[in-house]
Amino acid sequence: MTERTSQPSAERDYIPGMGKHVLLPFYDVVHHLFGLRPIHQKMITLAGLRDGHRVLDVGCGTGNLLRSIGKRYPTVDLVGLDPDPKALARAGRKVRRAGLTVRLDRGFAQELPYPDSSFDRVFSSLMLHHLDSTSKDALLAEVRRVLRPDGVLVLADAVLHEHGHGHGRRQIGMRGQMREQMRDNVGDAVPQRIAAAGFTVEPTRTMALRIGGEVGIELARPSRPAEE
């Protein structure tokens, strides 16, 4: 059994949820304006949660998805992970106001501080494009490690179409690093990357944002080893 340290072993660069730390107070406003709540509700429905499930939200930000899960399924065991301590502080206040008990850990998606096969469901909402290609693969390998054999990954991220339209198009103009990272979201790149990490991936569900672009929702299960 493998387990990582509960605190980041070393500080590393990360992109905050709003791109800049100073914009964090506007995170929930943007969440509402872009219409992310229906996407979260769809993710929760697809996950097929049951009483007693242990659930991890990787890149939980200010806790919107965790709060929505807890309200619908009050008996699941919720864990959120994010590298941003200020976002985690906001998440803590938010879930406490909702009367929920949630474990919130500071850490990085590439080094999940949890034992092997310790979660029934892993969620990731609009954070994959914040990572470079190497880190994306590390995240998916870590998710594969911490998921139980019958577990499910539910991942949503911006869709960038081949012809350049969509939510990703607006983001990649921000900075060169983001441009390179969003290129990994063109076409079927995201489900193919998930499959390469050892998952069986269902066809992508696509939902429109209220303001500009689309989000693809991927539902994936650990692939079973081929029978000899």
Protein backbone atom coordinates (compact mmCIF):
# COMPACT_ATOMS: atom_id res chain seq x y z
CA MET A 1 0.00 0.00 0.00
CA THR A 2 1.31 3.43 -0.96
CA GLU A 3 0.56 6.64 0.92
CA ARG A 4 1.88 10.14 0.41
CA THR A 5 2.56 12.76 3.06
CA SER A 6 -0.52 14.79 4.02
CA GLN A 7 1.33 18.06 3.32
CA PRO A 8 3.06 19.05 0.06
CA SER A 9 6.63 17.76 0.20
CA ALA A 10 7.80 20.96 -1.47
CA GLU A 11 6.23 24.14 -2.70
CA ARG A 12 5.58 24.20 -6.42
CA ASP A 13 3.96 26.59 -8.81
CA TYR A 14 0.22 26.33 -9.36
CA ILE A 15 -2.40 28.40 -11.13
CA PRO A 16 -5.21 29.58 -8.80
CA GLY A 17 -8.80 28.90 -9.78
CA MET A 18 -9.27 32.43 -11.14
CA GLY A 19 -5.81 32.66 -12.66
CA LYS A 20 -4.59 35.18 -10.06
CA HIS A 21 -4.79 35.11 -6.25
CA VAL A 22 -6.22 38.62 -6.14
CA LEU A 23 -9.29 37.45 -8.09
CA LEU A 24 -10.25 34.71 -5.62
CA PRO A 25 -13.09 36.79 -4.04
CA PHE A 26 -14.82 36.73 -7.46
CA TYR A 27 -14.61 32.94 -7.81
CA ASP A 28 -18.16 32.24 -6.70
CA VAL A 29 -19.55 35.12 -8.77
CA VAL A 30 -17.96 33.68 -11.89
CA HIS A 31 -19.19 30.20 -10.90
CA HIS A 32 -22.75 31.56 -10.93
CA LEU A 33 -22.43 33.70 -14.06
CA PHE A 34 -21.00 30.88 -16.16
CA GLY A 35 -23.70 28.47 -14.98
CA LEU A 36 -21.49 25.81 -13.42
CA ARG A 37 -24.07 24.56 -10.92
CA PRO A 38 -26.01 22.47 -13.51
CA ILE A 39 -22.71 20.93 -14.61
CA HIS A 40 -21.92 19.98 -11.02
CA GLN A 41 -25.39 18.50 -10.59
CA LYS A 42 -24.91 16.42 -13.74
CA MET A 43 -21.55 15.17 -12.48
CA ILE A 44 -23.12 14.14 -9.18
CA THR A 45 -25.94 12.30 -10.92
CA LEU A 46 -23.56 10.42 -13.20
CA ALA A 47 -21.38 9.35 -10.26
CA GLY A 48 -24.05 7.01 -8.86
CA LEU A 49 -23.23 7.82 -5.26
CA ARG A 50 -24.45 5.63 -2.42
CA ASP A 51 -24.54 5.88 1.37
CA GLY A 52 -21.10 5.43 2.88
CA HIS A 53 -19.10 6.17 -0.26
CA ARG A 54 -15.80 7.94 0.27
CA VAL A 55 -15.49 10.82 -2.20
CA LEU A 56 -12.51 12.97 -3.22
CA ASP A 57 -12.72 16.28 -5.08
CA VAL A 58 -9.31 17.05 -6.62
CA GLY A 59 -8.80 20.78 -7.05
CA CYS A 60 -11.83 21.56 -4.91
CA GLY A 61 -11.32 25.35 -4.92
CA THR A 62 -13.81 27.10 -2.69
CA GLY A 63 -15.89 23.95 -2.21
CA ASN A 64 -18.91 24.45 -4.47
CA LEU A 65 -18.94 20.88 -5.77
CA LEU A 66 -18.31 19.41 -2.32
CA ARG A 67 -21.19 21.41 -0.88
CA SER A 68 -23.52 20.24 -3.66
CA ILE A 69 -22.54 16.61 -3.13
CA GLY A 70 -23.05 16.88 0.63
CA LYS A 71 -26.48 18.42 0.27
CA ARG A 72 -27.67 15.62 -2.01
CA TYR A 73 -25.86 12.79 -0.22
CA PRO A 74 -25.37 13.72 3.44
CA THR A 75 -24.08 10.26 4.39
CA VAL A 76 -21.06 10.18 2.06
CA ASP A 77 -17.56 10.83 3.40
CA LEU A 78 -16.25 13.98 1.66
CA VAL A 79 -12.61 14.96 1.12
CA GLY A 80 -11.37 18.00 -0.81
CA LEU A 81 -7.82 18.69 -1.99
CA ASP A 82 -6.39 21.97 -3.32
CA PRO A 83 -2.99 23.68 -3.32
CA ASP A 84 -4.44 27.12 -2.51
CA PRO A 85 -4.77 27.70 1.27
CA LYS A 86 -7.00 30.75 0.77
CA ALA A 87 -9.42 28.78 -1.38
CA LEU A 88 -9.47 26.01 1.22
CA ALA A 89 -10.26 28.54 3.95
CA ARG A 90 -13.25 29.75 1.95
CA ALA A 91 -14.32 26.17 1.32
CA GLY A 92 -14.16 25.42 5.04
CA ARG A 93 -16.40 28.35 5.90
CA LYS A 94 -18.82 27.42 3.14
CA VAL A 95 -19.28 23.79 4.12
CA ARG A 96 -19.59 24.66 7.81
CA ARG A 97 -22.38 27.12 7.01
CA ALA A 98 -24.09 24.30 5.10
CA GLY A 99 -23.84 22.06 8.17
CA LEU A 100 -21.50 19.60 6.45
CA THR A 101 -18.44 17.76 7.71
CA VAL A 102 -15.72 17.76 5.05
CA ARG A 103 -12.02 16.98 5.32
CA LEU A 104 -10.01 19.63 3.45
CA ASP A 105 -6.35 18.96 2.65
CA ARG A 106 -3.74 21.18 1.09
CA GLY A 107 -1.82 19.27 -1.57
CA PHE A 108 -1.14 18.76 -5.24
CA ALA A 109 -3.02 16.57 -7.69
CA GLN A 110 0.23 15.00 -8.89
CA GLU A 111 0.96 13.59 -5.41
CA LEU A 112 -2.34 12.66 -3.78
CA PRO A 113 -1.70 12.18 -0.02
CA TYR A 114 -3.96 9.14 0.30
CA PRO A 115 -3.49 5.35 0.39
CA ASP A 116 -4.09 3.07 -2.56
CA SER A 117 -7.72 2.10 -3.22
CA SER A 118 -9.10 4.50 -0.62
CA PHE A 119 -11.92 6.25 -2.55
CA ASP A 120 -15.13 5.09 -4.21
CA ARG A 121 -15.48 8.23 -6.34
CA VAL A 122 -13.05 10.91 -7.48
CA PHE A 123 -14.28 14.20 -8.94
CA SER A 124 -12.34 16.86 -10.83
CA SER A 125 -14.07 19.99 -12.08
CA LEU A 126 -12.42 22.47 -14.45
CA MET A 127 -8.90 22.04 -13.12
CA LEU A 128 -7.25 19.66 -15.62
CA HIS A 129 -6.42 22.49 -18.02
CA HIS A 130 -4.43 24.22 -15.26
CA LEU A 131 -1.80 21.45 -15.52
CA ASP A 132 0.92 20.84 -18.09
CA SER A 133 0.96 17.54 -19.97
CA THR A 134 3.30 15.77 -17.54
CA SER A 135 1.24 16.86 -14.54
CA LYS A 136 -2.02 15.78 -16.21
CA ASP A 137 -0.65 12.28 -16.65
CA ALA A 138 0.61 12.27 -13.05
CA LEU A 139 -2.83 13.34 -11.80
CA LEU A 140 -4.60 10.57 -13.69
CA ALA A 141 -2.08 7.97 -12.50
CA GLU A 142 -2.66 9.10 -8.93
CA VAL A 143 -6.44 8.98 -9.34
CA ARG A 144 -6.10 5.45 -10.74
CA ARG A 145 -4.03 4.53 -7.66
CA VAL A 146 -6.41 5.91 -5.02
CA LEU A 147 -9.61 4.63 -6.65
CA ARG A 148 -11.02 1.31 -5.55
CA PRO A 149 -11.35 -1.33 -8.29
CA ASP A 150 -15.07 -0.61 -8.66
CA GLY A 151 -14.59 3.15 -8.30
CA VAL A 152 -15.50 5.93 -10.72
CA LEU A 153 -13.73 9.08 -11.92
CA VAL A 154 -16.00 11.98 -12.90
CA LEU A 155 -13.98 14.70 -14.63
CA ALA A 156 -15.24 17.89 -16.25
CA ASP A 157 -13.12 20.33 -18.22
CA ALA A 158 -13.35 22.97 -20.91
CA VAL A 159 -13.76 21.73 -24.47
CA LEU A 160 -11.58 23.21 -27.21
CA HIS A 161 -12.87 22.34 -30.67
CA GLU A 162 -10.63 21.62 -33.63
CA HIS A 163 -11.78 24.83 -35.35
CA GLY A 164 -10.84 26.92 -32.32
CA HIS A 165 -14.25 27.88 -30.95
CA GLY A 166 -15.45 27.32 -27.42
CA HIS A 167 -14.62 28.13 -23.83
CA GLY A 168 -10.98 27.14 -24.28
CA ARG A 169 -10.51 29.70 -27.04
CA ARG A 170 -11.15 32.52 -24.61
CA GLN A 171 -8.77 31.09 -22.05
CA ILE A 172 -5.78 30.36 -24.27
CA GLY A 173 -5.42 34.01 -25.19
CA MET A 174 -4.53 34.79 -21.57
CA ARG A 175 -0.95 33.51 -21.52
CA GLY A 176 1.43 31.25 -23.38
CA GLN A 177 1.48 28.58 -20.67
CA MET A 178 -2.31 28.31 -20.68
CA ARG A 179 -2.30 28.12 -24.48
CA GLU A 180 -0.04 25.09 -24.42
CA GLN A 181 -2.06 23.40 -21.68
CA MET A 182 -5.39 23.96 -23.44
CA ARG A 183 -4.10 22.33 -26.63
CA ASP A 184 -4.36 19.05 -24.75
CA ASN A 185 -8.16 19.57 -24.66
CA VAL A 186 -8.69 19.54 -28.43
CA GLY A 187 -11.05 16.90 -29.82
CA ASP A 188 -10.86 13.53 -28.07
CA ALA A 189 -7.55 14.28 -26.33
CA VAL A 190 -8.96 14.27 -22.79
CA PRO A 191 -10.76 10.88 -22.93
CA GLN A 192 -7.77 9.37 -24.75
CA ARG A 193 -5.45 10.63 -22.02
CA ILE A 194 -7.73 9.17 -19.33
CA ALA A 195 -7.87 5.82 -21.15
CA ALA A 196 -4.07 5.75 -21.42
CA ALA A 197 -3.88 6.06 -17.62
CA GLY A 198 -5.69 2.72 -17.21
CA PHE A 199 -9.37 3.64 -17.40
CA THR A 200 -12.37 2.55 -19.44
CA VAL A 201 -14.00 5.81 -20.54
CA GLU A 202 -17.63 6.34 -21.52
CA PRO A 203 -18.55 8.69 -24.39
CA THR A 204 -18.13 12.34 -23.42
CA ARG A 205 -21.21 14.22 -22.21
CA THR A 206 -21.11 17.85 -23.35
CA MET A 207 -22.91 20.71 -21.62
CA ALA A 208 -23.03 24.36 -22.62
CA LEU A 209 -21.93 27.09 -20.27
CA ARG A 210 -24.25 30.03 -19.74
CA ILE A 211 -21.49 32.35 -20.98
CA GLY A 212 -19.35 31.08 -23.81
CA GLY A 213 -18.27 27.60 -24.67
CA GLU A 214 -18.80 24.04 -23.54
CA VAL A 215 -17.69 21.63 -20.85
CA GLY A 216 -17.07 17.96 -21.45
CA ILE A 217 -17.90 15.50 -18.66
CA GLU A 218 -15.92 12.25 -18.64
CA LEU A 219 -17.06 9.17 -16.72
CA ALA A 220 -14.31 6.56 -16.33
CA ARG A 221 -13.70 3.34 -14.41
CA PRO A 222 -10.43 1.55 -13.70
CA SER A 223 -9.81 -0.98 -16.45
CA ARG A 224 -9.66 -4.57 -15.32
CA PRO A 225 -6.48 -6.50 -16.12
CA ALA A 226 -6.82 -8.76 -19.14
CA GLU A 227 -7.46 -12.36 -18.20
CA GLU A 228 -4.55 -14.64 -18.98
